[in-house]
PDB file of N, CA and C in Angstrom:
ATOM      1  N   MET A   1       0.863  -1.070  -0.237  1.00  0.00           N
ATOM      2  CA  MET A   1      -0.056  -0.109  -0.067  1.00  0.00           C
ATOM      3  C   MET A   1       0.755   1.152   0.049  1.00  0.00           C
ATOM      4  N   VAL A   2       0.653   2.328  -0.896  1.00  0.00           N
ATOM      5  CA  VAL A   2       1.260   3.399  -0.651  1.00  0.00           C
ATOM      6  C   VAL A   2       0.456   4.369  -0.550  1.00  0.00           C
ATOM      7  N   ARG A   3       0.446   5.265   0.623  1.00  0.00           N
ATOM      8  CA  ARG A   3      -0.228   6.586   0.522  1.00  0.00           C
ATOM      9  C   ARG A   3       0.446   7.475   0.407  1.00  0.00           C
ATOM     10  N   ASP A   4       0.782   8.614  -0.551  1.00  0.00           N
ATOM     11  CA  ASP A   4       1.333   9.834  -0.817  1.00  0.00           C
ATOM     12  C   ASP A   4       0.774  10.908  -0.739  1.00  0.00           C
ATOM     13  N   PRO A   5       0.995  11.812   0.263  1.00  0.00           N
ATOM     14  CA  PRO A   5      -0.277  12.693   0.181  1.00  0.00           C
ATOM     15  C   PRO A   5      -0.132  13.968  -0.780  1.00  0.00           C
ATOM     16  N   SER A   6       0.807  13.808  -1.589  1.00  0.00           N
ATOM     17  CA  SER A   6       1.198  15.052  -2.789  1.00  0.00           C
ATOM     18  C   SER A   6       0.295  14.549  -4.139  1.00  0.00           C
ATOM     19  N   ARG A   7      -0.280  13.113  -3.796  1.00  0.00           N
ATOM     20  CA  ARG A   7      -1.497  12.658  -4.474  1.00  0.00           C
ATOM     21  C   ARG A   7      -3.163  13.318  -4.375  1.00  0.00           C
ATOM     22  N   GLU A   8      -2.746  13.168  -3.434  1.00  0.00           N
ATOM     23  CA  GLU A   8      -4.073  13.770  -2.747  1.00  0.00           C
ATOM     24  C   GLU A   8      -4.643  14.864  -3.024  1.00  0.00           C
ATOM     25  N   GLU A   9      -6.215  14.832  -3.731  1.00  0.00           N
ATOM     26  CA  GLU A   9      -6.729  16.297  -4.328  1.00  0.00           C
ATOM     27  C   GLU A   9      -6.964  17.064  -3.239  1.00  0.00           C
ATOM     28  N   ASP A  10      -7.803  16.679  -1.881  1.00  0.00           N
ATOM     29  CA  ASP A  10      -8.178  17.791  -1.063  1.00  0.00           C
ATOM     30  C   ASP A  10      -7.220  17.796  -0.354  1.00  0.00           C
ATOM     31  N   PRO A  11      -6.842  18.919   0.391  1.00  0.00           N
ATOM     32  CA  PRO A  11      -5.679  19.337   1.611  1.00  0.00           C
ATOM     33  C   PRO A  11      -6.298  18.723   2.603  1.00  0.00           C
ATOM     34  N   PRO A  12      -5.584  18.383   3.432  1.00  0.00           N
ATOM     35  CA  PRO A  12      -5.610  18.264   4.828  1.00  0.00           C
ATOM     36  C   PRO A  12      -6.325  19.494   5.960  1.00  0.00           C
ATOM     37  N   ALA A  13      -7.530  19.052   6.615  1.00  0.00           N
ATOM     38  CA  ALA A  13      -7.894  20.020   7.281  1.00  0.00           C
ATOM     39  C   ALA A  13      -6.767  21.077   8.241  1.00  0.00           C
ATOM     40  N   VAL A  14      -7.088  22.536   8.475  1.00  0.00           N
ATOM     41  CA  VAL A  14      -6.064  22.575   9.101  1.00  0.00           C
ATOM     42  C   VAL A  14      -5.361  22.595  10.582  1.00  0.00           C
ATOM     43  N   THR A  15      -6.765  21.989  10.630  1.00  0.00           N
ATOM     44  CA  THR A  15      -6.394  21.706  12.413  1.00  0.00           C
ATOM     45  C   THR A  15      -5.951  20.475  12.671  1.00  0.00           C
ATOM     46  N   ASP A  16      -5.959  19.606  11.472  1.00  0.00           N
ATOM     47  CA  ASP A  16      -5.160  18.180  11.608  1.00  0.00           C
ATOM     48  C   ASP A  16      -4.050  18.322  11.696  1.00  0.00           C
ATOM     49  N   VAL A  17      -3.542  19.098  10.579  1.00  0.00           N
ATOM     50  CA  VAL A  17      -2.130  19.559  10.595  1.00  0.00           C
ATOM     51  C   VAL A  17      -1.889  19.989  11.775  1.00  0.00           C
ATOM     52  N   LEU A  18      -2.167  21.045  12.532  1.00  0.00           N
ATOM     53  CA  LEU A  18      -1.778  21.539  13.612  1.00  0.00           C
ATOM     54  C   LEU A  18      -1.625  21.228  15.081  1.00  0.00           C
ATOM     55  N   ASP A  19      -2.908  19.849  14.788  1.00  0.00           N
ATOM     56  CA  ASP A  19      -2.977  19.280  16.124  1.00  0.00           C
ATOM     57  C   ASP A  19      -1.226  17.996  16.250  1.00  0.00           C
ATOM     58  N   ALA A  20      -1.442  17.875  14.694  1.00  0.00           N
ATOM     59  CA  ALA A  20      -0.291  16.828  14.418  1.00  0.00           C
ATOM     60  C   ALA A  20       0.842  17.660  14.605  1.00  0.00           C
ATOM     61  N   LEU A  21       1.265  18.678  14.428  1.00  0.00           N
ATOM     62  CA  LEU A  21       2.493  19.595  14.916  1.00  0.00           C
ATOM     63  C   LEU A  21       2.808  19.629  16.268  1.00  0.00           C
ATOM     64  N   ALA A  22       1.813  20.002  16.909  1.00  0.00           N
ATOM     65  CA  ALA A  22       1.690  20.217  18.068  1.00  0.00           C
ATOM     66  C   ALA A  22       2.285  19.440  19.257  1.00  0.00           C
ATOM     67  N   ASP A  23       1.622  18.093  18.849  1.00  0.00           N
ATOM     68  CA  ASP A  23       2.459  16.923  19.788  1.00  0.00           C
ATOM     69  C   ASP A  23       3.871  16.908  19.575  1.00  0.00           C
ATOM     70  N   ASP A  24       3.933  16.343  20.932  1.00  0.00           N
ATOM     71  CA  ASP A  24       5.580  16.070  21.073  1.00  0.00           C
ATOM     72  C   ASP A  24       6.274  15.127  20.770  1.00  0.00           C
ATOM     73  N   ALA A  25       5.515  13.826  20.718  1.00  0.00           N
ATOM     74  CA  ALA A  25       5.959  12.804  20.555  1.00  0.00           C
ATOM     75  C   ALA A  25       5.792  12.447  18.805  1.00  0.00           C
ATOM     76  N   ALA A  26       4.906  13.212  18.105  1.00  0.00           N
ATOM     77  CA  ALA A  26       4.801  13.552  16.607  1.00  0.00           C
ATOM     78  C   ALA A  26       5.702  14.159  16.107  1.00  0.00           C
ATOM     79  N   GLN A  27       6.401  15.504  16.849  1.00  0.00           N
ATOM     80  CA  GLN A  27       7.094  16.098  16.280  1.00  0.00           C
ATOM     81  C   GLN A  27       8.689  15.144  16.180  1.00  0.00           C
ATOM     82  N   ARG A  28       8.824  14.487  17.393  1.00  0.00           N
ATOM     83  CA  ARG A  28       9.950  14.044  17.230  1.00  0.00           C
ATOM     84  C   ARG A  28      10.074  12.517  16.474  1.00  0.00           C
ATOM     85  N   ILE A  29       9.095  12.038  16.087  1.00  0.00           N
ATOM     86  CA  ILE A  29       9.160  11.038  15.023  1.00  0.00           C
ATOM     87  C   ILE A  29       9.718  12.052  13.524  1.00  0.00           C
ATOM     88  N   VAL A  30       8.876  13.108  13.480  1.00  0.00           N
ATOM     89  CA  VAL A  30       9.256  13.965  11.997  1.00  0.00           C
ATOM     90  C   VAL A  30      10.496  14.127  12.314  1.00  0.00           C
ATOM     91  N   LEU A  31      11.206  14.784  12.913  1.00  0.00           N
ATOM     92  CA  LEU A  31      12.619  15.266  13.373  1.00  0.00           C
ATOM     93  C   LEU A  31      13.602  13.660  13.170  1.00  0.00           C
ATOM     94  N   ALA A  32      12.839  12.681  13.429  1.00  0.00           N
ATOM     95  CA  ALA A  32      14.122  11.757  13.293  1.00  0.00           C
ATOM     96  C   ALA A  32      13.695  10.922  11.987  1.00  0.00           C
ATOM     97  N   LEU A  33      12.913  11.335  10.900  1.00  0.00           N
ATOM     98  CA  LEU A  33      12.815  10.872   9.705  1.00  0.00           C
ATOM     99  C   LEU A  33      13.627  11.296   8.822  1.00  0.00           C
ATOM    100  N   SER A  34      15.014  11.586   8.847  1.00  0.00           N
ATOM    101  CA  SER A  34      16.023  11.841   7.977  1.00  0.00           C
ATOM    102  C   SER A  34      16.293  11.004   6.810  1.00  0.00           C
ATOM    103  N   GLU A  35      15.522  10.244   6.811  1.00  0.00           N
ATOM    104  CA  GLU A  35      15.989   8.882   5.721  1.00  0.00           C
ATOM    105  C   GLU A  35      14.244   8.246   5.975  1.00  0.00           C
ATOM    106  N   PRO A  36      13.646   7.187   5.431  1.00  0.00           N
ATOM    107  CA  PRO A  36      12.566   6.444   5.367  1.00  0.00           C
ATOM    108  C   PRO A  36      13.152   5.390   6.384  1.00  0.00           C
ATOM    109  N   LYS A  37      12.009   5.403   7.928  1.00  0.00           N
ATOM    110  CA  LYS A  37      12.078   4.351   8.651  1.00  0.00           C
ATOM    111  C   LYS A  37      11.008   3.729   8.611  1.00  0.00           C
ATOM    112  N   THR A  38      11.139   2.284   9.830  1.00  0.00           N
ATOM    113  CA  THR A  38       9.780   1.809  10.172  1.00  0.00           C
ATOM    114  C   THR A  38       9.408   2.103  11.044  1.00  0.00           C
ATOM    115  N   ALA A  39       8.021   1.966  11.792  1.00  0.00           N
ATOM    116  CA  ALA A  39       7.984   1.978  13.177  1.00  0.00           C
ATOM    117  C   ALA A  39       8.465   1.635  13.935  1.00  0.00           C
ATOM    118  N   SER A  40       8.991   0.354  13.977  1.00  0.00           N
ATOM    119  CA  SER A  40      10.061  -0.366  14.824  1.00  0.00           C
ATOM    120  C   SER A  40      10.958   0.458  15.167  1.00  0.00           C
ATOM    121  N   GLU A  41      11.858   0.980  14.044  1.00  0.00           N
ATOM    122  CA  GLU A  41      12.899   1.845  13.805  1.00  0.00           C
ATOM    123  C   GLU A  41      12.392   3.086  14.528  1.00  0.00           C
ATOM    124  N   LEU A  42      11.469   3.810  14.413  1.00  0.00           N
ATOM    125  CA  LEU A  42      11.478   5.195  14.661  1.00  0.00           C
ATOM    126  C   LEU A  42      10.850   4.850  16.505  1.00  0.00           C
ATOM    127  N   SER A  43      10.060   3.966  16.949  1.00  0.00           N
ATOM    128  CA  SER A  43       9.739   3.932  18.151  1.00  0.00           C
ATOM    129  C   SER A  43      10.950   3.328  19.067  1.00  0.00           C
ATOM    130  N   GLU A  44      11.883   2.951  18.457  1.00  0.00           N
ATOM    131  CA  GLU A  44      13.239   2.920  19.380  1.00  0.00           C
ATOM    132  C   GLU A  44      13.920   3.712  19.436  1.00  0.00           C
ATOM    133  N   GLU A  45      14.087   4.565  18.443  1.00  0.00           N
ATOM    134  CA  GLU A  45      14.994   5.479  17.759  1.00  0.00           C
ATOM    135  C   GLU A  45      14.293   7.003  19.014  1.00  0.00           C
ATOM    136  N   CYS A  46      13.049   7.127  18.716  1.00  0.00           N
ATOM    137  CA  CYS A  46      12.348   7.880  19.709  1.00  0.00           C
ATOM    138  C   CYS A  46      12.096   7.943  21.133  1.00  0.00           C
ATOM    139  N   GLY A  47      11.841   6.352  21.533  1.00  0.00           N
ATOM    140  CA  GLY A  47      11.632   6.094  23.010  1.00  0.00           C
ATOM    141  C   GLY A  47      10.234   6.223  22.871  1.00  0.00           C
ATOM    142  N   ILE A  48       9.483   6.076  22.246  1.00  0.00           N
ATOM    143  CA  ILE A  48       8.240   6.168  22.371  1.00  0.00           C
ATOM    144  C   ILE A  48       7.273   4.436  21.952  1.00  0.00           C
ATOM    145  N   PRO A  49       6.679   4.257  22.919  1.00  0.00           N
ATOM    146  CA  PRO A  49       5.759   2.535  22.830  1.00  0.00           C
ATOM    147  C   PRO A  49       5.487   2.594  21.270  1.00  0.00           C
ATOM    148  N   LEU A  50       5.855   1.375  20.999  1.00  0.00           N
ATOM    149  CA  LEU A  50       5.248   0.755  19.322  1.00  0.00           C
ATOM    150  C   LEU A  50       3.672   1.363  19.425  1.00  0.00           C
ATOM    151  N   SER A  51       2.778   0.995  20.250  1.00  0.00           N
ATOM    152  CA  SER A  51       1.803   1.399  19.867  1.00  0.00           C
ATOM    153  C   SER A  51       1.442   3.127  19.688  1.00  0.00           C
ATOM    154  N   THR A  52       1.959   3.699  20.758  1.00  0.00           N
ATOM    155  CA  THR A  52       2.008   5.172  20.046  1.00  0.00           C
ATOM    156  C   THR A  52       2.485   5.686  18.824  1.00  0.00           C
ATOM    157  N   THR A  53       3.626   4.806  18.782  1.00  0.00           N
ATOM    158  CA  THR A  53       3.989   4.860  17.162  1.00  0.00           C
ATOM    159  C   THR A  53       3.400   5.069  16.265  1.00  0.00           C
ATOM    160  N   TYR A  54       2.624   3.793  15.950  1.00  0.00           N
ATOM    161  CA  TYR A  54       1.233   3.683  15.071  1.00  0.00           C
ATOM    162  C   TYR A  54       0.643   4.723  15.114  1.00  0.00           C
ATOM    163  N   ARG A  55      -0.153   4.925  16.101  1.00  0.00           N
ATOM    164  CA  ARG A  55      -0.879   5.879  16.508  1.00  0.00           C
ATOM    165  C   ARG A  55      -0.571   7.607  15.776  1.00  0.00           C
ATOM    166  N   LYS A  56       0.607   7.930  16.320  1.00  0.00           N
ATOM    167  CA  LYS A  56       1.091   9.004  15.598  1.00  0.00           C
ATOM    168  C   LYS A  56       1.104   9.131  14.459  1.00  0.00           C
ATOM    169  N   LEU A  57       1.941   7.957  13.872  1.00  0.00           N
ATOM    170  CA  LEU A  57       2.167   7.855  12.392  1.00  0.00           C
ATOM    171  C   LEU A  57       0.871   7.798  11.281  1.00  0.00           C
ATOM    172  N   GLU A  58       0.083   7.151  12.007  1.00  0.00           N
ATOM    173  CA  GLU A  58      -1.093   7.227  11.686  1.00  0.00           C
ATOM    174  C   GLU A  58      -1.900   8.709  11.406  1.00  0.00           C
ATOM    175  N   THR A  59      -2.095   9.366  12.420  1.00  0.00           N
ATOM    176  CA  THR A  59      -1.792  10.923  12.628  1.00  0.00           C
ATOM    177  C   THR A  59      -1.466  11.743  11.497  1.00  0.00           C
ATOM    178  N   LEU A  60       0.080  11.505  11.598  1.00  0.00           N
ATOM    179  CA  LEU A  60       0.787  12.380  10.364  1.00  0.00           C
ATOM    180  C   LEU A  60       0.439  12.131   9.051  1.00  0.00           C
ATOM    181  N   VAL A  61       0.250  10.456   8.884  1.00  0.00           N
ATOM    182  CA  VAL A  61      -0.157  10.019   7.514  1.00  0.00           C
ATOM    183  C   VAL A  61      -1.355  11.135   6.994  1.00  0.00           C
ATOM    184  N   ASP A  62      -2.383  11.025   8.283  1.00  0.00           N
ATOM    185  CA  ASP A  62      -3.772  11.464   7.995  1.00  0.00           C
ATOM    186  C   ASP A  62      -3.654  13.501   7.488  1.00  0.00           C
ATOM    187  N   ALA A  63      -2.582  13.813   8.149  1.00  0.00           N
ATOM    188  CA  ALA A  63      -2.428  14.934   8.284  1.00  0.00           C
ATOM    189  C   ALA A  63      -1.513  15.041   6.720  1.00  0.00           C
ATOM    190  N   SER A  64      -1.378  14.809   6.073  1.00  0.00           N
ATOM    191  CA  SER A  64      -0.687  14.708   4.964  1.00  0.00           C
ATOM    192  C   SER A  64       0.872  14.997   5.167  1.00  0.00           C
ATOM    193  N   LEU A  65       1.729  14.752   6.563  1.00  0.00           N
ATOM    194  CA  LEU A  65       2.813  15.541   6.666  1.00  0.00           C
ATOM    195  C   LEU A  65       4.253  13.943   6.560  1.00  0.00           C
ATOM    196  N   LEU A  66       3.208  12.993   6.660  1.00  0.00           N
ATOM    197  CA  LEU A  66       4.220  11.762   6.188  1.00  0.00           C
ATOM    198  C   LEU A  66       3.549  11.062   4.908  1.00  0.00           C
ATOM    199  N   SER A  67       4.276  10.617   4.211  1.00  0.00           N
ATOM    200  CA  SER A  67       4.082   9.097   3.299  1.00  0.00           C
ATOM    201  C   SER A  67       4.315   7.993   4.157  1.00  0.00           C
ATOM    202  N   GLU A  68       4.052   7.042   3.225  1.00  0.00           N
ATOM    203  CA  GLU A  68       4.156   5.574   4.052  1.00  0.00           C
ATOM    204  C   GLU A  68       4.096   4.854   2.216  1.00  0.00           C
ATOM    205  N   SER A  69       5.288   3.717   2.417  1.00  0.00           N
ATOM    206  CA  SER A  69       5.150   2.848   1.296  1.00  0.00           C
ATOM    207  C   SER A  69       5.772   1.657   2.064  1.00  0.00           C
ATOM    208  N   THR A  70       5.630   0.612   0.759  1.00  0.00           N
ATOM    209  CA  THR A  70       5.817  -0.275   1.454  1.00  0.00           C
ATOM    210  C   THR A  70       6.863  -1.518   0.540  1.00  0.00           C
ATOM    211  N   ASP A  71       7.794  -2.067   1.226  1.00  0.00           N
ATOM    212  CA  ASP A  71       9.146  -2.545   0.699  1.00  0.00           C
ATOM    213  C   ASP A  71       8.243  -4.235   0.636  1.00  0.00           C
ATOM    214  N   ILE A  72       8.448  -4.769  -0.775  1.00  0.00           N
ATOM    215  CA  ILE A  72       7.907  -5.741  -1.041  1.00  0.00           C
ATOM    216  C   ILE A  72       8.923  -6.978  -1.147  1.00  0.00           C
ATOM    217  N   ARG A  73       8.850  -7.927  -0.066  1.00  0.00           N
ATOM    218  CA  ARG A  73      10.126  -8.907  -0.118  1.00  0.00           C
ATOM    219  C   ARG A  73       9.677 -10.234  -0.354  1.00  0.00           C
ATOM    220  N   ARG A  74      10.571 -10.821  -1.062  1.00  0.00           N
ATOM    221  CA  ARG A  74      10.041 -12.153  -1.342  1.00  0.00           C
ATOM    222  C   ARG A  74       9.380 -13.301  -0.625  1.00  0.00           C
ATOM    223  N   ASP A  75       9.692 -12.915   0.422  1.00  0.00           N
ATOM    224  CA  ASP A  75       9.729 -13.869   1.924  1.00  0.00           C
ATOM    225  C   ASP A  75       8.004 -13.625   1.959  1.00  0.00           C
ATOM    226  N   GLY A  76       7.319 -12.653   1.572  1.00  0.00           N
ATOM    227  CA  GLY A  76       6.139 -12.379   1.449  1.00  0.00           C
ATOM    228  C   GLY A  76       5.953 -11.351   2.853  1.00  0.00           C
ATOM    229  N   GLN A  77       6.738 -11.211   3.840  1.00  0.00           N
ATOM    230  CA  GLN A  77       7.138  -9.995   4.808  1.00  0.00           C
ATOM    231  C   GLN A  77       7.053  -8.875   4.597  1.00  0.00           C
ATOM    232  N   HIS A  78       6.266  -8.128   4.223  1.00  0.00           N
ATOM    233  CA  HIS A  78       6.618  -6.577   3.211  1.00  0.00           C
ATOM    234  C   HIS A  78       6.827  -5.634   4.723  1.00  0.00           C
ATOM    235  N   THR A  79       7.466  -4.620   4.462  1.00  0.00           N
ATOM    236  CA  THR A  79       7.951  -3.848   5.414  1.00  0.00           C
ATOM    237  C   THR A  79       7.082  -2.178   4.895  1.00  0.00           C
ATOM    238  N   THR A  80       6.570  -1.739   5.918  1.00  0.00           N
ATOM    239  CA  THR A  80       5.917  -0.543   5.593  1.00  0.00           C
ATOM    240  C   THR A  80       7.309   0.737   6.467  1.00  0.00           C
ATOM    241  N   ARG A  81       7.273   1.662   5.256  1.00  0.00           N
ATOM    242  CA  ARG A  81       8.395   2.712   5.748  1.00  0.00           C
ATOM    243  C   ARG A  81       7.937   3.971   5.729  1.00  0.00           C
ATOM    244  N   TYR A  82       8.113   5.119   6.525  1.00  0.00           N
ATOM    245  CA  TYR A  82       7.897   6.166   6.353  1.00  0.00           C
ATOM    246  C   TYR A  82       8.697   7.420   6.304  1.00  0.00           C
ATOM    247  N   SER A  83       8.255   8.404   5.685  1.00  0.00           N
ATOM    248  CA  SER A  83       8.922   9.324   5.304  1.00  0.00           C
ATOM    249  C   SER A  83       8.263  10.608   5.467  1.00  0.00           C
ATOM    250  N   VAL A  84       8.849  11.965   5.212  1.00  0.00           N
ATOM    251  CA  VAL A  84       8.692  13.370   5.189  1.00  0.00           C
ATOM    252  C   VAL A  84       8.105  13.543   4.245  1.00  0.00           C
ATOM    253  N   ALA A  85       6.673  13.716   4.095  1.00  0.00           N
ATOM    254  CA  ALA A  85       5.919  14.365   2.845  1.00  0.00           C
ATOM    255  C   ALA A  85       6.236  15.881   2.676  1.00  0.00           C
ATOM    256  N   PHE A  86       6.897  16.717   3.019  1.00  0.00           N
ATOM    257  CA  PHE A  86       6.938  17.932   2.751  1.00  0.00           C
ATOM    258  C   PHE A  86       8.643  18.652   2.700  1.00  0.00           C
ATOM    259  N   GLU A  87       8.624  20.052   2.360  1.00  0.00           N
ATOM    260  CA  GLU A  87       9.767  20.739   2.438  1.00  0.00           C
ATOM    261  C   GLU A  87       9.325  21.684   3.557  1.00  0.00           C
ATOM    262  N   GLU A  88       7.985  22.232   3.407  1.00  0.00           N
ATOM    263  CA  GLU A  88       7.889  23.360   4.238  1.00  0.00           C
ATOM    264  C   GLU A  88       6.430  23.278   4.540  1.00  0.00           C
ATOM    265  N   VAL A  89       5.704  23.472   5.712  1.00  0.00           N
ATOM    266  CA  VAL A  89       4.390  23.896   5.750  1.00  0.00           C
ATOM    267  C   VAL A  89       3.944  25.565   5.822  1.00  0.00           C
ATOM    268  N   HIS A  90       3.106  26.145   5.011  1.00  0.00           N
ATOM    269  CA  HIS A  90       2.641  27.348   5.199  1.00  0.00           C
ATOM    270  C   HIS A  90       0.953  27.477   5.955  1.00  0.00           C
ATOM    271  N   VAL A  91       1.199  28.212   7.219  1.00  0.00           N
ATOM    272  CA  VAL A  91      -0.166  28.041   7.471  1.00  0.00           C
ATOM    273  C   VAL A  91      -0.654  29.669   7.644  1.00  0.00           C
ATOM    274  N   SER A  92      -1.815  30.052   6.925  1.00  0.00           N
ATOM    275  CA  SER A  92      -2.165  31.489   6.886  1.00  0.00           C
ATOM    276  C   SER A  92      -3.202  31.697   6.899  1.00  0.00           C
ATOM    277  N   ILE A  93      -3.822  32.782   7.207  1.00  0.00           N
ATOM    278  CA  ILE A  93      -4.954  33.663   7.286  1.00  0.00           C
ATOM    279  C   ILE A  93      -5.482  33.989   5.961  1.00  0.00           C
ATOM    280  N   ASN A  94      -6.476  33.898   5.025  1.00  0.00           N
ATOM    281  CA  ASN A  94      -7.048  34.576   3.695  1.00  0.00           C
ATOM    282  C   ASN A  94      -7.179  36.110   3.975  1.00  0.00           C
ATOM    283  N   ASP A  95      -7.523  36.825   3.036  1.00  0.00           N
ATOM    284  CA  ASP A  95      -7.774  38.246   3.251  1.00  0.00           C
ATOM    285  C   ASP A  95      -9.081  38.536   2.917  1.00  0.00           C
ATOM    286  N   GLU A  96      -9.804  36.974   2.890  1.00  0.00           N
ATOM    287  CA  GLU A  96     -11.108  37.521   2.153  1.00  0.00           C
ATOM    288  C   GLU A  96     -12.041  37.759   3.601  1.00  0.00           C
ATOM    289  N   ALA A  97     -13.209  37.908   3.302  1.00  0.00           N
ATOM    290  CA  ALA A  97     -14.075  38.345   4.392  1.00  0.00           C
ATOM    291  C   ALA A  97     -14.365  37.581   5.469  1.00  0.00           C
ATOM    292  N   ASP A  98     -14.178  35.986   4.877  1.00  0.00           N
ATOM    293  CA  ASP A  98     -14.524  35.077   5.972  1.00  0.00           C
ATOM    294  C   ASP A  98     -13.228  34.600   6.926  1.00  0.00           C
ATOM    295  N   ARG A  99     -11.867  35.403   6.363  1.00  0.00           N
ATOM    296  CA  ARG A  99     -10.862  35.012   7.467  1.00  0.00           C
ATOM    297  C   ARG A  99     -10.797  33.672   7.851  1.00  0.00           C
ATOM    298  N   GLU A 100     -10.274  32.292   7.108  1.00  0.00           N
ATOM    299  CA  GLU A 100     -10.059  30.954   7.058  1.00  0.00           C
ATOM    300  C   GLU A 100      -8.516  31.335   7.194  1.00  0.00           C
ATOM    301  N   LEU A 101      -8.380  30.011   8.093  1.00  0.00           N
ATOM    302  CA  LEU A 101      -6.956  29.616   7.986  1.00  0.00           C
ATOM    303  C   LEU A 101      -6.903  28.473   7.066  1.00  0.00           C
ATOM    304  N   THR A 102      -5.647  28.720   6.503  1.00  0.00           N
ATOM    305  CA  THR A 102      -5.293  27.696   5.109  1.00  0.00           C
ATOM    306  C   THR A 102      -3.842  27.304   5.283  1.00  0.00           C
ATOM    307  N   VAL A 103      -3.454  25.599   4.919  1.00  0.00           N
ATOM    308  CA  VAL A 103      -2.247  25.383   5.147  1.00  0.00           C
ATOM    309  C   VAL A 103      -1.795  24.869   3.781  1.00  0.00           C
ATOM    310  N   GLU A 104      -0.980  25.051   3.330  1.00  0.00           N
ATOM    311  CA  GLU A 104       0.006  25.146   1.874  1.00  0.00           C
ATOM    312  C   GLU A 104       0.865  24.129   2.265  1.00  0.00           C
ATOM    313  N   PHE A 105       1.517  22.928   1.630  1.00  0.00           N
ATOM    314  CA  PHE A 105       2.757  22.215   1.710  1.00  0.00           C
ATOM    315  C   PHE A 105       3.746  22.639   0.504  1.00  0.00           C
ATOM    316  N   GLU A 106       5.052  22.873   0.511  1.00  0.00           N
ATOM    317  CA  GLU A 106       5.569  22.771  -0.192  1.00  0.00           C
ATOM    318  C   GLU A 106       6.490  21.187  -0.235  1.00  0.00           C
ATOM    319  N   ARG A 107       6.123  20.332  -1.418  1.00  0.00           N
ATOM    320  CA  ARG A 107       6.403  18.975  -1.453  1.00  0.00           C
ATOM    321  C   ARG A 107       7.802  18.854  -2.091  1.00  0.00           C
ATOM    322  N   PRO A 108       8.655  17.436  -1.598  1.00  0.00           N
ATOM    323  CA  PRO A 108      10.006  17.530  -2.681  1.00  0.00           C
ATOM    324  C   PRO A 108       9.500  16.393  -3.446  1.00  0.00           C
ATOM    325  N   GLU A 109      10.143  16.990  -4.619  1.00  0.00           N
ATOM    326  CA  GLU A 109      10.172  16.093  -6.096  1.00  0.00           C
ATOM    327  C   GLU A 109      10.684  15.042  -5.678  1.00  0.00           C
ATOM    328  N   ARG A 110       9.818  13.789  -6.219  1.00  0.00           N
ATOM    329  CA  ARG A 110       9.693  12.405  -6.400  1.00  0.00           C
ATOM    330  C   ARG A 110      10.632  12.008  -7.000  1.00  0.00           C
ATOM    331  N   THR A 111      11.722  11.108  -6.826  1.00  0.00           N
ATOM    332  CA  THR A 111      12.474  10.685  -7.938  1.00  0.00           C
ATOM    333  C   THR A 111      12.468   9.437  -8.471  1.00  0.00           C
ATOM    334  N   ARG A 112      12.867   9.256  -9.708  1.00  0.00           N
ATOM    335  CA  ARG A 112      12.453   8.348 -10.631  1.00  0.00           C
ATOM    336  C   ARG A 112      12.339   6.802  -9.773  1.00  0.00           C
ATOM    337  N   ASP A 113      13.265   6.626  -9.185  1.00  0.00           N
ATOM    338  CA  ASP A 113      13.215   5.116  -8.294  1.00  0.00           C
ATOM    339  C   ASP A 113      11.680   4.998  -7.194  1.00  0.00           C
ATOM    340  N   GLU A 114      11.544   6.541  -6.688  1.00  0.00           N
ATOM    341  CA  GLU A 114      10.398   6.320  -5.977  1.00  0.00           C
ATOM    342  C   GLU A 114       8.865   5.960  -6.973  1.00  0.00           C
ATOM    343  N   ARG A 115       9.199   7.141  -7.804  1.00  0.00           N
ATOM    344  CA  ARG A 115       7.823   6.803  -8.754  1.00  0.00           C
ATOM    345  C   ARG A 115       7.686   5.459  -9.518  1.00  0.00           C
ATOM    346  N   LEU A 116       8.999   4.813  -9.888  1.00  0.00           N
ATOM    347  CA  LEU A 116       8.764   3.380 -10.261  1.00  0.00           C
ATOM    348  C   LEU A 116       8.033   2.607  -8.919  1.00  0.00           C
ATOM    349  N   ALA A 117       8.765   2.546  -7.441  1.00  0.00           N
ATOM    350  CA  ALA A 117       8.344   1.968  -6.611  1.00  0.00           C
ATOM    351  C   ALA A 117       6.833   2.234  -6.128  1.00  0.00           C
ATOM    352  N   ASP A 118       6.088   3.320  -6.510  1.00  0.00           N
ATOM    353  CA  ASP A 118       4.832   3.560  -6.272  1.00  0.00           C
ATOM    354  C   ASP A 118       4.407   2.648  -7.580  1.00  0.00           C
ATOM    355  N   LEU A 119       4.461   2.798  -8.571  1.00  0.00           N
ATOM    356  CA  LEU A 119       3.556   2.322  -9.624  1.00  0.00           C
ATOM    357  C   LEU A 119       3.808   0.700  -9.140  1.00  0.00           C
ATOM    358  N   TRP A 120       4.850   0.297  -9.182  1.00  0.00           N
ATOM    359  CA  TRP A 120       4.964  -1.693  -8.880  1.00  0.00           C
ATOM    360  C   TRP A 120       4.145  -1.796  -7.535  1.00  0.00           C
ATOM    361  N   SER A 121       4.071  -0.718  -6.285  1.00  0.00           N
ATOM    362  CA  SER A 121       3.197  -1.284  -5.263  1.00  0.00           C
ATOM    363  C   SER A 121       1.521  -1.287  -5.914  1.00  0.00           C
ATOM    364  N   GLU A 122       1.098  -0.416  -6.687  1.00  0.00           N
ATOM    365  CA  GLU A 122       0.150  -0.240  -7.087  1.00  0.00           C
ATOM    366  C   GLU A 122      -0.198  -0.964  -7.788  1.00  0.00           C
ATOM    367  N   LEU A 123       0.761  -1.523  -8.636  1.00  0.00           N
ATOM    368  CA  LEU A 123       0.330  -2.756  -9.544  1.00  0.00           C
ATOM    369  C   LEU A 123      -0.188  -4.118  -8.868  1.00  0.00           C
ATOM    370  N   ARG A 124       0.607  -4.129  -7.772  1.00  0.00           N
ATOM    371  CA  ARG A 124       0.478  -5.465  -6.741  1.00  0.00           C
ATOM    372  C   ARG A 124      -0.857  -5.414  -5.891  1.00  0.00           C
ATOM    373  N   GLU A 125      -1.145  -4.406  -5.906  1.00  0.00           N
ATOM    374  CA  GLU A 125      -2.477  -4.089  -5.074  1.00  0.00           C
ATOM    375  C   GLU A 125      -3.517  -4.574  -5.942  1.00  0.00           C
ATOM    376  N   GLU A 126      -3.490  -3.776  -7.197  1.00  0.00           N
ATOM    377  CA  GLU A 126      -4.567  -4.713  -7.885  1.00  0.00           C
ATOM    378  C   GLU A 126      -4.692  -5.456  -8.388  1.00  0.00           C
ATOM    379  N   THR A 127      -3.406  -6.653  -8.210  1.00  0.00           N
ATOM    380  CA  THR A 127      -3.422  -8.048  -8.595  1.00  0.00           C
ATOM    381  C   THR A 127      -4.005  -9.006  -7.410  1.00  0.00           C
TER     382      THR A 127
END
């Protein structure tokens, strides 16, 4: 399974992004992701219980702050890895009469290998 926020049509709710970023454990997870890592690796590195790590990862993915990808292995034991899905997050108030908060992301450009891995994962899901 591949969950890539850069492909989603609708942006996440501003409150979801702000709530995720306001959480100390979630911040530690984001800061630890200098490269894609598994939930177990993040749990150990950040000193967060594994069950809590999974909840925080789900919150961060739902807020479009992380993407997840699946490493397909021959033995059938596939591994999910998480990576940061943004370079910058901008929260602003629009100048219109309703004065709404908006959130915009600057996303890293996907490499050719990442795009190929995504296509392969999607193909595997369809079969």
